[in-house]
Amino acid sequence: MIQIKIYPVTMLATNCCYLVDEATGKCAVTDPGAKSDRLISQIEKDGGKLEYVILTHGHYDHILYARQLAEQFGAKVVTGKYCDPFLSDADLNGTERHMLREFQPFHADILLEDGERFKLGETEITYLYTPGHTSGCGVYLFDDIMISGDTLFCESYGRTDLPSGNDAQMIQSLKRLKELDGDYQVIPGHGPMTTLSHERRFNPLMRRL
């Protein structure tokens, strides 16, 4: 089982998650779009066992502090293989558009295939490739939790009008999530938590699929 704390970062209130495997104390952080002193202090308080910095996709508000955080604690950056180009391309990740000159290109240490699994301590995490918001988006499943990035929001979904976004792919990705077995607590990239069962009923696009 994994314990979760959410640290909103950036002016867009990105949901940066701190994940701690209860059995081993090993931890991971998802989508650190900016530095959070509170998060760093918590990692240090817990023994600094940061194994992974996990990225749902490659937009600046999800990746801007990923390299620095990984280097500080000796962690590995993990993402889907189609996300990796965004980590070094200022046009794709939006740092050029938003004039974020402090951004330094980097690459992930671990690139995941669709459906691939890895372990944080004793907890297995599954990666699903869900393009649409960008061509590199993915979600992560573990326990009864879905970290959905900017693919799925509470009663909404990620915009598709940015570079590499695609309406048809978004439809297919949401259809895939809708058809997953069972229910999940969903932590989106921005905004309040929801559940997959709620989205099946009330998400305007998902309910039509």
N, C-alpha and C. Protein backbone atom coordinates (compact mmCIF):
# COMPACT_ATOMS: atom_id res chain seq x y z
N MET A 1 0.84 -1.20 0.00
CA MET A 1 0.00 0.00 0.00
C MET A 1 0.87 1.25 0.00
N ILE A 2 0.35 2.28 -0.64
CA ILE A 2 1.07 3.54 -0.74
C ILE A 2 0.28 4.64 -0.04
N GLN A 3 0.97 5.42 0.79
CA GLN A 3 0.40 6.63 1.37
C GLN A 3 0.66 7.79 0.42
N ILE A 4 -0.29 8.71 0.34
CA ILE A 4 -0.21 9.81 -0.62
C ILE A 4 -0.44 11.14 0.07
N LYS A 5 0.42 12.11 -0.23
CA LYS A 5 0.21 13.50 0.12
C LYS A 5 0.32 14.32 -1.15
N ILE A 6 -0.53 15.31 -1.28
CA ILE A 6 -0.54 16.15 -2.48
C ILE A 6 0.00 17.54 -2.12
N TYR A 7 0.97 17.99 -2.93
CA TYR A 7 1.57 19.31 -2.76
C TYR A 7 1.30 20.12 -4.03
N PRO A 8 0.30 20.99 -4.04
CA PRO A 8 0.06 21.81 -5.23
C PRO A 8 1.26 22.71 -5.52
N VAL A 9 1.69 22.71 -6.77
CA VAL A 9 2.82 23.54 -7.18
C VAL A 9 2.45 24.29 -8.45
N THR A 10 3.18 25.35 -8.75
CA THR A 10 3.03 26.24 -9.90
C THR A 10 1.77 27.10 -9.76
N MET A 11 1.70 28.14 -10.57
CA MET A 11 0.53 29.01 -10.59
C MET A 11 -0.71 28.28 -11.10
N LEU A 12 -0.50 27.13 -11.75
CA LEU A 12 -1.61 26.34 -12.27
C LEU A 12 -2.05 25.27 -11.27
N ALA A 13 -1.49 25.29 -10.07
CA ALA A 13 -1.85 24.35 -9.01
C ALA A 13 -1.77 22.90 -9.48
N THR A 14 -0.62 22.54 -10.01
CA THR A 14 -0.39 21.16 -10.41
C THR A 14 -0.37 20.27 -9.18
N ASN A 15 -1.07 19.14 -9.25
CA ASN A 15 -1.10 18.19 -8.15
C ASN A 15 0.15 17.33 -8.16
N CYS A 16 1.15 17.76 -7.43
CA CYS A 16 2.40 17.01 -7.27
C CYS A 16 2.20 16.05 -6.10
N CYS A 17 2.30 14.76 -6.36
CA CYS A 17 2.00 13.74 -5.34
C CYS A 17 3.28 13.16 -4.74
N TYR A 18 3.26 12.98 -3.45
CA TYR A 18 4.33 12.33 -2.72
C TYR A 18 3.83 10.96 -2.30
N LEU A 19 4.46 9.93 -2.83
CA LEU A 19 4.03 8.55 -2.62
C LEU A 19 5.02 7.83 -1.72
N VAL A 20 4.53 7.18 -0.67
CA VAL A 20 5.39 6.44 0.25
C VAL A 20 4.87 5.02 0.38
N ASP A 21 5.70 4.05 0.02
CA ASP A 21 5.35 2.65 0.21
C ASP A 21 5.40 2.32 1.70
N GLU A 22 4.27 1.91 2.26
CA GLU A 22 4.17 1.71 3.70
C GLU A 22 5.12 0.62 4.20
N ALA A 23 5.34 -0.40 3.40
CA ALA A 23 6.13 -1.54 3.86
C ALA A 23 7.61 -1.23 3.96
N THR A 24 8.11 -0.37 3.08
CA THR A 24 9.56 -0.16 3.00
C THR A 24 10.00 1.28 3.26
N GLY A 25 9.08 2.22 3.21
CA GLY A 25 9.44 3.63 3.36
C GLY A 25 10.01 4.25 2.11
N LYS A 26 10.14 3.46 1.04
CA LYS A 26 10.64 4.02 -0.21
C LYS A 26 9.58 4.94 -0.81
N CYS A 27 10.03 6.00 -1.47
CA CYS A 27 9.07 7.00 -1.90
C CYS A 27 9.32 7.46 -3.34
N ALA A 28 8.32 8.15 -3.87
CA ALA A 28 8.38 8.70 -5.22
C ALA A 28 7.60 10.01 -5.23
N VAL A 29 7.88 10.84 -6.22
CA VAL A 29 7.16 12.09 -6.42
C VAL A 29 6.67 12.12 -7.86
N THR A 30 5.44 12.55 -8.05
CA THR A 30 4.90 12.69 -9.40
C THR A 30 4.78 14.16 -9.77
N ASP A 31 5.15 14.46 -11.00
CA ASP A 31 4.92 15.76 -11.64
C ASP A 31 5.34 16.98 -10.82
N PRO A 32 6.63 17.06 -10.45
CA PRO A 32 7.11 18.25 -9.74
C PRO A 32 7.35 19.42 -10.70
N GLY A 33 6.29 20.18 -10.95
CA GLY A 33 6.39 21.28 -11.89
C GLY A 33 7.10 22.51 -11.35
N ALA A 34 7.34 22.52 -10.05
CA ALA A 34 8.08 23.62 -9.41
C ALA A 34 8.61 23.10 -8.08
N LYS A 35 9.57 23.83 -7.54
CA LYS A 35 10.15 23.44 -6.26
C LYS A 35 9.13 23.65 -5.13
N SER A 36 9.06 22.67 -4.23
CA SER A 36 8.23 22.78 -3.03
C SER A 36 9.12 22.51 -1.83
N ASP A 37 9.39 23.54 -1.06
CA ASP A 37 10.22 23.36 0.14
C ASP A 37 9.54 22.43 1.14
N ARG A 38 8.23 22.48 1.22
CA ARG A 38 7.49 21.59 2.13
C ARG A 38 7.68 20.14 1.72
N LEU A 39 7.61 19.87 0.44
CA LEU A 39 7.81 18.51 -0.06
C LEU A 39 9.23 18.04 0.23
N ILE A 40 10.21 18.85 -0.08
CA ILE A 40 11.60 18.47 0.14
C ILE A 40 11.86 18.20 1.63
N SER A 41 11.31 19.03 2.48
CA SER A 41 11.47 18.82 3.92
C SER A 41 10.86 17.50 4.36
N GLN A 42 9.71 17.14 3.77
CA GLN A 42 9.04 15.89 4.12
C GLN A 42 9.87 14.68 3.66
N ILE A 43 10.43 14.77 2.47
CA ILE A 43 11.28 13.68 1.98
C ILE A 43 12.48 13.49 2.92
N GLU A 44 13.09 14.59 3.30
CA GLU A 44 14.24 14.52 4.20
C GLU A 44 13.83 13.97 5.56
N LYS A 45 12.70 14.40 6.08
CA LYS A 45 12.19 13.92 7.36
C LYS A 45 11.96 12.42 7.33
N ASP A 46 11.53 11.91 6.17
CA ASP A 46 11.24 10.48 6.03
C ASP A 46 12.47 9.65 5.67
N GLY A 47 13.63 10.27 5.68
CA GLY A 47 14.85 9.51 5.45
C GLY A 47 15.46 9.65 4.07
N GLY A 48 14.84 10.46 3.22
CA GLY A 48 15.41 10.73 1.89
C GLY A 48 15.42 9.54 0.95
N LYS A 49 14.47 8.60 1.12
CA LYS A 49 14.46 7.39 0.30
C LYS A 49 13.70 7.60 -1.01
N LEU A 50 14.03 8.67 -1.71
CA LEU A 50 13.34 8.96 -2.97
C LEU A 50 13.90 8.07 -4.07
N GLU A 51 13.06 7.17 -4.56
CA GLU A 51 13.47 6.23 -5.61
C GLU A 51 13.21 6.78 -7.01
N TYR A 52 12.04 7.42 -7.18
CA TYR A 52 11.61 7.82 -8.51
C TYR A 52 11.01 9.23 -8.52
N VAL A 53 11.21 9.92 -9.62
CA VAL A 53 10.43 11.09 -9.99
C VAL A 53 9.63 10.67 -11.21
N ILE A 54 8.33 10.59 -11.05
CA ILE A 54 7.45 9.99 -12.06
C ILE A 54 6.69 11.10 -12.78
N LEU A 55 6.71 11.06 -14.10
CA LEU A 55 6.07 12.11 -14.91
C LEU A 55 4.92 11.54 -15.73
N THR A 56 3.76 12.20 -15.65
CA THR A 56 2.62 11.78 -16.46
C THR A 56 2.73 12.27 -17.90
N HIS A 57 3.32 13.44 -18.08
CA HIS A 57 3.55 13.97 -19.42
C HIS A 57 4.56 15.11 -19.32
N GLY A 58 4.87 15.72 -20.46
CA GLY A 58 6.03 16.59 -20.51
C GLY A 58 5.79 18.07 -20.57
N HIS A 59 4.66 18.57 -20.09
CA HIS A 59 4.47 20.02 -20.06
C HIS A 59 5.20 20.64 -18.88
N TYR A 60 5.60 21.89 -19.06
CA TYR A 60 6.47 22.57 -18.09
C TYR A 60 5.93 22.54 -16.67
N ASP A 61 4.61 22.65 -16.53
CA ASP A 61 4.04 22.72 -15.18
C ASP A 61 4.01 21.36 -14.48
N HIS A 62 4.53 20.34 -15.16
CA HIS A 62 4.65 19.01 -14.57
C HIS A 62 6.10 18.53 -14.48
N ILE A 63 7.02 19.21 -15.16
CA ILE A 63 8.39 18.67 -15.24
C ILE A 63 9.48 19.64 -14.79
N LEU A 64 9.15 20.88 -14.51
CA LEU A 64 10.19 21.91 -14.41
C LEU A 64 11.19 21.67 -13.29
N TYR A 65 10.77 20.97 -12.23
CA TYR A 65 11.72 20.70 -11.14
C TYR A 65 12.10 19.22 -11.06
N ALA A 66 11.77 18.45 -12.08
CA ALA A 66 12.01 17.00 -12.03
C ALA A 66 13.49 16.65 -11.99
N ARG A 67 14.26 17.24 -12.86
CA ARG A 67 15.70 16.92 -12.92
C ARG A 67 16.38 17.30 -11.61
N GLN A 68 16.10 18.49 -11.11
CA GLN A 68 16.75 18.95 -9.89
C GLN A 68 16.39 18.07 -8.69
N LEU A 69 15.12 17.69 -8.59
CA LEU A 69 14.69 16.86 -7.47
C LEU A 69 15.35 15.48 -7.54
N ALA A 70 15.40 14.91 -8.74
CA ALA A 70 16.03 13.60 -8.91
C ALA A 70 17.51 13.66 -8.55
N GLU A 71 18.19 14.70 -8.98
CA GLU A 71 19.61 14.83 -8.68
C GLU A 71 19.86 15.02 -7.19
N GLN A 72 19.00 15.78 -6.53
CA GLN A 72 19.18 16.05 -5.11
C GLN A 72 19.16 14.77 -4.27
N PHE A 73 18.29 13.82 -4.66
CA PHE A 73 18.12 12.62 -3.85
C PHE A 73 18.63 11.34 -4.53
N GLY A 74 19.24 11.49 -5.69
CA GLY A 74 19.75 10.31 -6.39
C GLY A 74 18.65 9.41 -6.92
N ALA A 75 17.53 10.00 -7.30
CA ALA A 75 16.38 9.24 -7.81
C ALA A 75 16.45 9.11 -9.33
N LYS A 76 15.63 8.21 -9.86
CA LYS A 76 15.53 8.02 -11.31
C LYS A 76 14.25 8.68 -11.82
N VAL A 77 14.35 9.34 -12.97
CA VAL A 77 13.18 9.93 -13.62
C VAL A 77 12.51 8.85 -14.46
N VAL A 78 11.21 8.70 -14.26
CA VAL A 78 10.43 7.66 -14.93
C VAL A 78 9.31 8.30 -15.73
N THR A 79 9.12 7.87 -16.97
CA THR A 79 7.97 8.33 -17.76
C THR A 79 7.77 7.36 -18.92
N GLY A 80 6.72 7.60 -19.69
CA GLY A 80 6.48 6.79 -20.88
C GLY A 80 7.46 7.15 -21.99
N LYS A 81 7.72 6.19 -22.86
CA LYS A 81 8.75 6.42 -23.88
C LYS A 81 8.39 7.54 -24.85
N TYR A 82 7.10 7.79 -25.07
CA TYR A 82 6.72 8.85 -26.00
C TYR A 82 6.72 10.23 -25.33
N CYS A 83 6.91 10.25 -24.02
CA CYS A 83 7.02 11.53 -23.31
C CYS A 83 8.44 12.07 -23.35
N ASP A 84 9.43 11.20 -23.47
CA ASP A 84 10.82 11.64 -23.33
C ASP A 84 11.21 12.80 -24.24
N PRO A 85 10.77 12.86 -25.51
CA PRO A 85 11.14 14.01 -26.34
C PRO A 85 10.72 15.36 -25.77
N PHE A 86 9.65 15.38 -25.00
CA PHE A 86 9.16 16.63 -24.43
C PHE A 86 10.13 17.19 -23.39
N LEU A 87 10.91 16.33 -22.78
CA LEU A 87 11.79 16.75 -21.69
C LEU A 87 12.99 17.55 -22.18
N SER A 88 13.22 17.51 -23.49
CA SER A 88 14.36 18.24 -24.05
C SER A 88 13.96 19.22 -25.15
N ASP A 89 12.67 19.38 -25.39
CA ASP A 89 12.19 20.24 -26.47
C ASP A 89 11.36 21.38 -25.88
N ALA A 90 11.91 22.59 -25.91
CA ALA A 90 11.26 23.75 -25.29
C ALA A 90 9.95 24.13 -25.98
N ASP A 91 9.82 23.80 -27.26
CA ASP A 91 8.56 24.08 -27.95
C ASP A 91 7.47 23.11 -27.51
N LEU A 92 7.82 21.84 -27.38
CA LEU A 92 6.84 20.84 -26.98
C LEU A 92 6.41 21.01 -25.53
N ASN A 93 7.36 21.31 -24.65
CA ASN A 93 6.99 21.36 -23.23
C ASN A 93 6.50 22.73 -22.77
N GLY A 94 6.55 23.72 -23.63
CA GLY A 94 5.97 25.03 -23.33
C GLY A 94 6.89 26.01 -22.64
N THR A 95 8.13 25.60 -22.36
CA THR A 95 9.04 26.54 -21.68
C THR A 95 9.43 27.70 -22.59
N GLU A 96 9.50 27.47 -23.88
CA GLU A 96 9.81 28.56 -24.81
C GLU A 96 8.66 29.54 -24.87
N ARG A 97 7.44 29.03 -24.96
CA ARG A 97 6.25 29.87 -25.07
C ARG A 97 6.08 30.73 -23.82
N HIS A 98 6.41 30.17 -22.67
CA HIS A 98 6.23 30.89 -21.41
C HIS A 98 7.52 31.55 -20.92
N MET A 99 8.54 31.53 -21.77
CA MET A 99 9.81 32.22 -21.51
C MET A 99 10.43 31.79 -20.18
N LEU A 100 10.43 30.48 -19.95
CA LEU A 100 11.02 29.93 -18.73
C LEU A 100 12.48 29.58 -19.00
N ARG A 101 13.31 30.60 -18.92
CA ARG A 101 14.71 30.46 -19.34
C ARG A 101 15.52 29.56 -18.41
N GLU A 102 15.00 29.31 -17.21
CA GLU A 102 15.76 28.46 -16.28
C GLU A 102 15.69 26.98 -16.64
N PHE A 103 14.80 26.61 -17.58
CA PHE A 103 14.66 25.20 -17.93
C PHE A 103 15.92 24.67 -18.60
N GLN A 104 16.37 23.51 -18.14
CA GLN A 104 17.50 22.81 -18.73
C GLN A 104 17.02 21.46 -19.26
N PRO A 105 17.20 21.18 -20.54
CA PRO A 105 16.74 19.91 -21.11
C PRO A 105 17.33 18.71 -20.38
N PHE A 106 16.56 17.64 -20.33
CA PHE A 106 17.04 16.41 -19.70
C PHE A 106 16.33 15.23 -20.33
N HIS A 107 16.70 14.03 -19.91
CA HIS A 107 16.05 12.81 -20.39
C HIS A 107 15.70 11.93 -19.21
N ALA A 108 14.69 11.10 -19.38
CA ALA A 108 14.29 10.17 -18.32
C ALA A 108 15.30 9.03 -18.23
N ASP A 109 15.39 8.45 -17.05
CA ASP A 109 16.25 7.29 -16.82
C ASP A 109 15.54 5.99 -17.16
N ILE A 110 14.23 5.97 -16.98
CA ILE A 110 13.43 4.77 -17.24
C ILE A 110 12.28 5.16 -18.15
N LEU A 111 12.19 4.51 -19.31
CA LEU A 111 11.12 4.78 -20.27
C LEU A 111 10.20 3.56 -20.34
N LEU A 112 8.92 3.80 -20.09
CA LEU A 112 7.96 2.71 -19.96
C LEU A 112 7.17 2.49 -21.23
N GLU A 113 6.91 1.22 -21.52
CA GLU A 113 5.99 0.83 -22.57
C GLU A 113 4.57 0.78 -22.00
N ASP A 114 3.59 0.87 -22.87
CA ASP A 114 2.20 0.75 -22.45
C ASP A 114 1.98 -0.58 -21.72
N GLY A 115 1.39 -0.50 -20.55
CA GLY A 115 1.11 -1.70 -19.76
C GLY A 115 2.26 -2.18 -18.90
N GLU A 116 3.41 -1.54 -18.99
CA GLU A 116 4.57 -1.99 -18.23
C GLU A 116 4.38 -1.68 -16.75
N ARG A 117 4.97 -2.54 -15.91
CA ARG A 117 4.86 -2.41 -14.46
C ARG A 117 6.23 -2.24 -13.83
N PHE A 118 6.27 -1.50 -12.74
CA PHE A 118 7.49 -1.39 -11.95
C PHE A 118 7.07 -1.31 -10.48
N LYS A 119 8.02 -1.44 -9.58
CA LYS A 119 7.68 -1.50 -8.16
C LYS A 119 8.30 -0.34 -7.39
N LEU A 120 7.49 0.25 -6.54
CA LEU A 120 7.97 1.19 -5.52
C LEU A 120 7.91 0.43 -4.21
N GLY A 121 9.06 0.04 -3.71
CA GLY A 121 9.06 -0.84 -2.55
C GLY A 121 8.36 -2.13 -2.88
N GLU A 122 7.29 -2.43 -2.15
CA GLU A 122 6.54 -3.66 -2.38
C GLU A 122 5.25 -3.42 -3.17
N THR A 123 5.06 -2.19 -3.66
CA THR A 123 3.83 -1.86 -4.37
C THR A 123 4.08 -1.82 -5.88
N GLU A 124 3.27 -2.52 -6.62
CA GLU A 124 3.40 -2.55 -8.08
C GLU A 124 2.61 -1.39 -8.70
N ILE A 125 3.25 -0.70 -9.62
CA ILE A 125 2.64 0.43 -10.33
C ILE A 125 2.56 0.08 -11.81
N THR A 126 1.41 0.29 -12.42
CA THR A 126 1.20 0.00 -13.84
C THR A 126 1.09 1.31 -14.62
N TYR A 127 1.77 1.37 -15.75
CA TYR A 127 1.71 2.55 -16.63
C TYR A 127 0.80 2.24 -17.81
N LEU A 128 -0.14 3.15 -18.09
CA LEU A 128 -0.98 3.06 -19.28
C LEU A 128 -0.74 4.28 -20.16
N TYR A 129 -0.50 4.04 -21.43
CA TYR A 129 -0.27 5.12 -22.39
C TYR A 129 -1.62 5.70 -22.81
N THR A 130 -1.81 7.01 -22.60
CA THR A 130 -3.10 7.66 -22.87
C THR A 130 -2.91 8.96 -23.64
N PRO A 131 -2.49 8.90 -24.89
CA PRO A 131 -2.28 10.13 -25.67
C PRO A 131 -3.58 10.88 -25.89
N GLY A 132 -3.44 12.16 -26.18
CA GLY A 132 -4.60 13.01 -26.43
C GLY A 132 -4.29 14.44 -26.04
N HIS A 133 -4.02 14.66 -24.77
CA HIS A 133 -3.58 15.99 -24.31
C HIS A 133 -2.22 16.30 -24.93
N THR A 134 -1.33 15.33 -24.90
CA THR A 134 -0.11 15.34 -25.72
C THR A 134 0.08 13.93 -26.25
N SER A 135 1.02 13.77 -27.16
CA SER A 135 1.32 12.44 -27.69
C SER A 135 2.11 11.59 -26.72
N GLY A 136 2.49 12.17 -25.57
CA GLY A 136 3.29 11.43 -24.60
C GLY A 136 2.61 11.19 -23.27
N CYS A 137 1.31 11.39 -23.18
CA CYS A 137 0.62 11.29 -21.89
C CYS A 137 0.43 9.85 -21.44
N GLY A 138 0.42 9.68 -20.12
CA GLY A 138 0.13 8.38 -19.54
C GLY A 138 -0.45 8.53 -18.16
N VAL A 139 -1.05 7.44 -17.65
CA VAL A 139 -1.56 7.41 -16.29
C VAL A 139 -0.90 6.27 -15.54
N TYR A 140 -0.94 6.34 -14.21
CA TYR A 140 -0.32 5.34 -13.35
C TYR A 140 -1.38 4.76 -12.41
N LEU A 141 -1.40 3.43 -12.30
CA LEU A 141 -2.36 2.73 -11.47
C LEU A 141 -1.63 1.94 -10.38
N PHE A 142 -2.13 2.05 -9.15
CA PHE A 142 -1.64 1.21 -8.07
C PHE A 142 -2.70 1.19 -6.97
N ASP A 143 -2.73 0.11 -6.19
CA ASP A 143 -3.77 -0.04 -5.18
C ASP A 143 -5.12 0.27 -5.84
N ASP A 144 -5.88 1.22 -5.28
CA ASP A 144 -7.14 1.64 -5.93
C ASP A 144 -7.02 3.07 -6.43
N ILE A 145 -5.79 3.49 -6.79
CA ILE A 145 -5.50 4.87 -7.17
C ILE A 145 -5.14 4.96 -8.65
N MET A 146 -5.62 6.01 -9.29
CA MET A 146 -5.20 6.38 -10.64
C MET A 146 -4.64 7.80 -10.60
N ILE A 147 -3.38 7.95 -10.96
CA ILE A 147 -2.81 9.28 -11.16
C ILE A 147 -2.93 9.58 -12.64
N SER A 148 -3.82 10.49 -12.98
CA SER A 148 -4.25 10.63 -14.37
C SER A 148 -3.61 11.78 -15.12
N GLY A 149 -2.76 12.57 -14.44
CA GLY A 149 -2.14 13.69 -15.16
C GLY A 149 -3.20 14.58 -15.77
N ASP A 150 -2.95 15.03 -17.00
CA ASP A 150 -3.91 15.90 -17.69
C ASP A 150 -4.74 15.14 -18.71
N THR A 151 -4.84 13.82 -18.54
CA THR A 151 -5.75 13.04 -19.39
C THR A 151 -7.17 13.17 -18.88
N LEU A 152 -7.37 12.94 -17.59
CA LEU A 152 -8.72 12.93 -17.01
C LEU A 152 -8.78 13.86 -15.82
N PHE A 153 -9.75 14.79 -15.85
CA PHE A 153 -10.03 15.68 -14.73
C PHE A 153 -11.41 15.36 -14.16
N CYS A 154 -11.74 15.98 -13.04
CA CYS A 154 -13.08 15.84 -12.49
C CYS A 154 -14.09 16.46 -13.45
N GLU A 155 -14.89 15.60 -14.05
CA GLU A 155 -15.93 15.99 -15.01
C GLU A 155 -15.36 16.76 -16.20
N SER A 156 -14.13 16.49 -16.55
CA SER A 156 -13.49 17.15 -17.68
C SER A 156 -12.32 16.30 -18.16
N TYR A 157 -11.52 16.87 -19.06
CA TYR A 157 -10.36 16.17 -19.60
C TYR A 157 -9.40 17.20 -20.16
N GLY A 158 -8.20 16.77 -20.48
CA GLY A 158 -7.16 17.69 -20.91
C GLY A 158 -7.42 18.30 -22.28
N ARG A 159 -7.04 19.56 -22.42
CA ARG A 159 -7.19 20.24 -23.70
C ARG A 159 -6.32 19.57 -24.76
N THR A 160 -6.74 19.67 -26.00
CA THR A 160 -6.04 18.99 -27.10
C THR A 160 -5.51 19.95 -28.15
N ASP A 161 -5.50 21.25 -27.83
CA ASP A 161 -5.10 22.25 -28.83
C ASP A 161 -3.66 22.71 -28.69
N LEU A 162 -2.89 22.05 -27.83
CA LEU A 162 -1.46 22.36 -27.69
C LEU A 162 -0.66 21.42 -28.58
N PRO A 163 0.64 21.70 -28.80
CA PRO A 163 1.43 20.86 -29.69
C PRO A 163 1.33 19.37 -29.35
N SER A 164 1.04 18.58 -30.36
CA SER A 164 0.89 17.12 -30.34
C SER A 164 -0.43 16.66 -29.75
N GLY A 165 -1.29 17.58 -29.31
CA GLY A 165 -2.62 17.18 -28.84
C GLY A 165 -3.45 16.63 -29.98
N ASN A 166 -4.40 15.73 -29.65
CA ASN A 166 -5.17 15.06 -30.70
C ASN A 166 -6.53 14.64 -30.15
N ASP A 167 -7.60 15.16 -30.75
CA ASP A 167 -8.96 14.85 -30.28
C ASP A 167 -9.27 13.36 -30.37
N ALA A 168 -8.95 12.75 -31.49
CA ALA A 168 -9.28 11.34 -31.69
C ALA A 168 -8.55 10.46 -30.68
N GLN A 169 -7.29 10.78 -30.40
CA GLN A 169 -6.55 10.01 -29.41
C GLN A 169 -7.12 10.20 -28.01
N MET A 170 -7.56 11.42 -27.70
CA MET A 170 -8.16 11.66 -26.39
C MET A 170 -9.42 10.82 -26.21
N ILE A 171 -10.23 10.76 -27.24
CA ILE A 171 -11.45 9.95 -27.17
C ILE A 171 -11.11 8.49 -26.88
N GLN A 172 -10.12 7.97 -27.59
CA GLN A 172 -9.74 6.57 -27.38
C GLN A 172 -9.14 6.34 -26.00
N SER A 173 -8.38 7.30 -25.51
CA SER A 173 -7.78 7.16 -24.18
C SER A 173 -8.85 7.17 -23.09
N LEU A 174 -9.82 8.07 -23.19
CA LEU A 174 -10.88 8.11 -22.20
C LEU A 174 -11.76 6.87 -22.28
N LYS A 175 -11.97 6.37 -23.49
CA LYS A 175 -12.73 5.12 -23.65
C LYS A 175 -12.01 3.98 -22.95
N ARG A 176 -10.69 3.95 -23.09
CA ARG A 176 -9.90 2.89 -22.45
C ARG A 176 -10.02 2.97 -20.93
N LEU A 177 -9.94 4.18 -20.38
CA LEU A 177 -10.05 4.33 -18.93
C LEU A 177 -11.45 3.96 -18.45
N LYS A 178 -12.45 4.37 -19.20
CA LYS A 178 -13.83 4.05 -18.83
C LYS A 178 -14.04 2.55 -18.74
N GLU A 179 -13.38 1.79 -19.60
CA GLU A 179 -13.59 0.35 -19.68
C GLU A 179 -12.71 -0.46 -18.73
N LEU A 180 -11.90 0.21 -17.92
CA LEU A 180 -11.12 -0.52 -16.92
C LEU A 180 -12.05 -1.22 -15.94
N ASP A 181 -11.64 -2.34 -15.43
CA ASP A 181 -12.43 -3.04 -14.43
C ASP A 181 -12.44 -2.27 -13.12
N GLY A 182 -13.56 -2.32 -12.43
CA GLY A 182 -13.64 -1.77 -11.09
C GLY A 182 -13.64 -0.26 -11.04
N ASP A 183 -13.24 0.25 -9.89
CA ASP A 183 -13.26 1.68 -9.65
C ASP A 183 -11.88 2.13 -9.16
N TYR A 184 -11.60 3.40 -9.34
CA TYR A 184 -10.35 3.99 -8.85
C TYR A 184 -10.64 5.35 -8.26
N GLN A 185 -9.88 5.74 -7.25
CA GLN A 185 -9.80 7.13 -6.84
C GLN A 185 -8.85 7.82 -7.81
N VAL A 186 -9.29 8.89 -8.41
CA VAL A 186 -8.53 9.55 -9.46
C VAL A 186 -7.92 10.84 -8.93
N ILE A 187 -6.58 10.94 -9.06
CA ILE A 187 -5.88 12.18 -8.73
C ILE A 187 -5.46 12.81 -10.05
N PRO A 188 -6.14 13.86 -10.48
CA PRO A 188 -5.80 14.48 -11.76
C PRO A 188 -4.61 15.41 -11.65
N GLY A 189 -4.15 15.88 -12.79
CA GLY A 189 -3.02 16.80 -12.80
C GLY A 189 -3.34 18.15 -12.18
N HIS A 190 -4.60 18.52 -12.20
CA HIS A 190 -5.06 19.78 -11.62
C HIS A 190 -6.47 19.57 -11.09
N GLY A 191 -6.82 20.32 -10.07
CA GLY A 191 -8.19 20.28 -9.58
C GLY A 191 -8.46 19.17 -8.58
N PRO A 192 -9.73 19.01 -8.20
CA PRO A 192 -10.08 18.08 -7.13
C PRO A 192 -9.99 16.62 -7.55
N MET A 193 -9.84 15.76 -6.54
CA MET A 193 -9.90 14.33 -6.78
C MET A 193 -11.31 13.93 -7.19
N THR A 194 -11.39 12.79 -7.85
CA THR A 194 -12.68 12.25 -8.26
C THR A 194 -12.58 10.73 -8.21
N THR A 195 -13.54 10.05 -8.75
CA THR A 195 -13.48 8.60 -8.88
C THR A 195 -13.82 8.23 -10.32
N LEU A 196 -13.34 7.07 -10.73
CA LEU A 196 -13.64 6.64 -12.09
C LEU A 196 -15.13 6.38 -12.26
N SER A 197 -15.78 5.85 -11.23
CA SER A 197 -17.22 5.61 -11.34
C SER A 197 -17.97 6.93 -11.51
N HIS A 198 -17.54 7.98 -10.82
CA HIS A 198 -18.18 9.29 -10.99
C HIS A 198 -17.98 9.79 -12.41
N GLU A 199 -16.78 9.63 -12.94
CA GLU A 199 -16.51 10.11 -14.30
C GLU A 199 -17.29 9.33 -15.34
N ARG A 200 -17.46 8.05 -15.14
CA ARG A 200 -18.27 7.27 -16.07
C ARG A 200 -19.69 7.82 -16.17
N ARG A 201 -20.20 8.37 -15.09
CA ARG A 201 -21.57 8.88 -15.05
C ARG A 201 -21.67 10.35 -15.45
N PHE A 202 -20.66 11.16 -15.07
CA PHE A 202 -20.84 12.61 -15.18
C PHE A 202 -19.84 13.32 -16.09
N ASN A 203 -18.79 12.66 -16.52
CA ASN A 203 -17.85 13.31 -17.42
C ASN A 203 -18.51 13.44 -18.80
N PRO A 204 -18.63 14.67 -19.33
CA PRO A 204 -19.41 14.88 -20.55
C PRO A 204 -18.95 14.04 -21.74
N LEU A 205 -17.62 13.87 -21.89
CA LEU A 205 -17.13 13.08 -23.00
C LEU A 205 -17.17 11.59 -22.66
N MET A 206 -16.73 11.22 -21.50
CA MET A 206 -16.63 9.81 -21.16
C MET A 206 -18.01 9.13 -21.17
N ARG A 207 -19.05 9.81 -20.75
CA ARG A 207 -20.37 9.19 -20.67
C ARG A 207 -20.93 8.89 -22.06
N ARG A 208 -20.40 9.58 -23.10
CA ARG A 208 -20.89 9.34 -24.47
C ARG A 208 -20.16 8.19 -25.15
N LEU A 209 -19.09 7.70 -24.55
CA LEU A 209 -18.26 6.70 -25.23
C LEU A 209 -18.80 5.30 -25.01
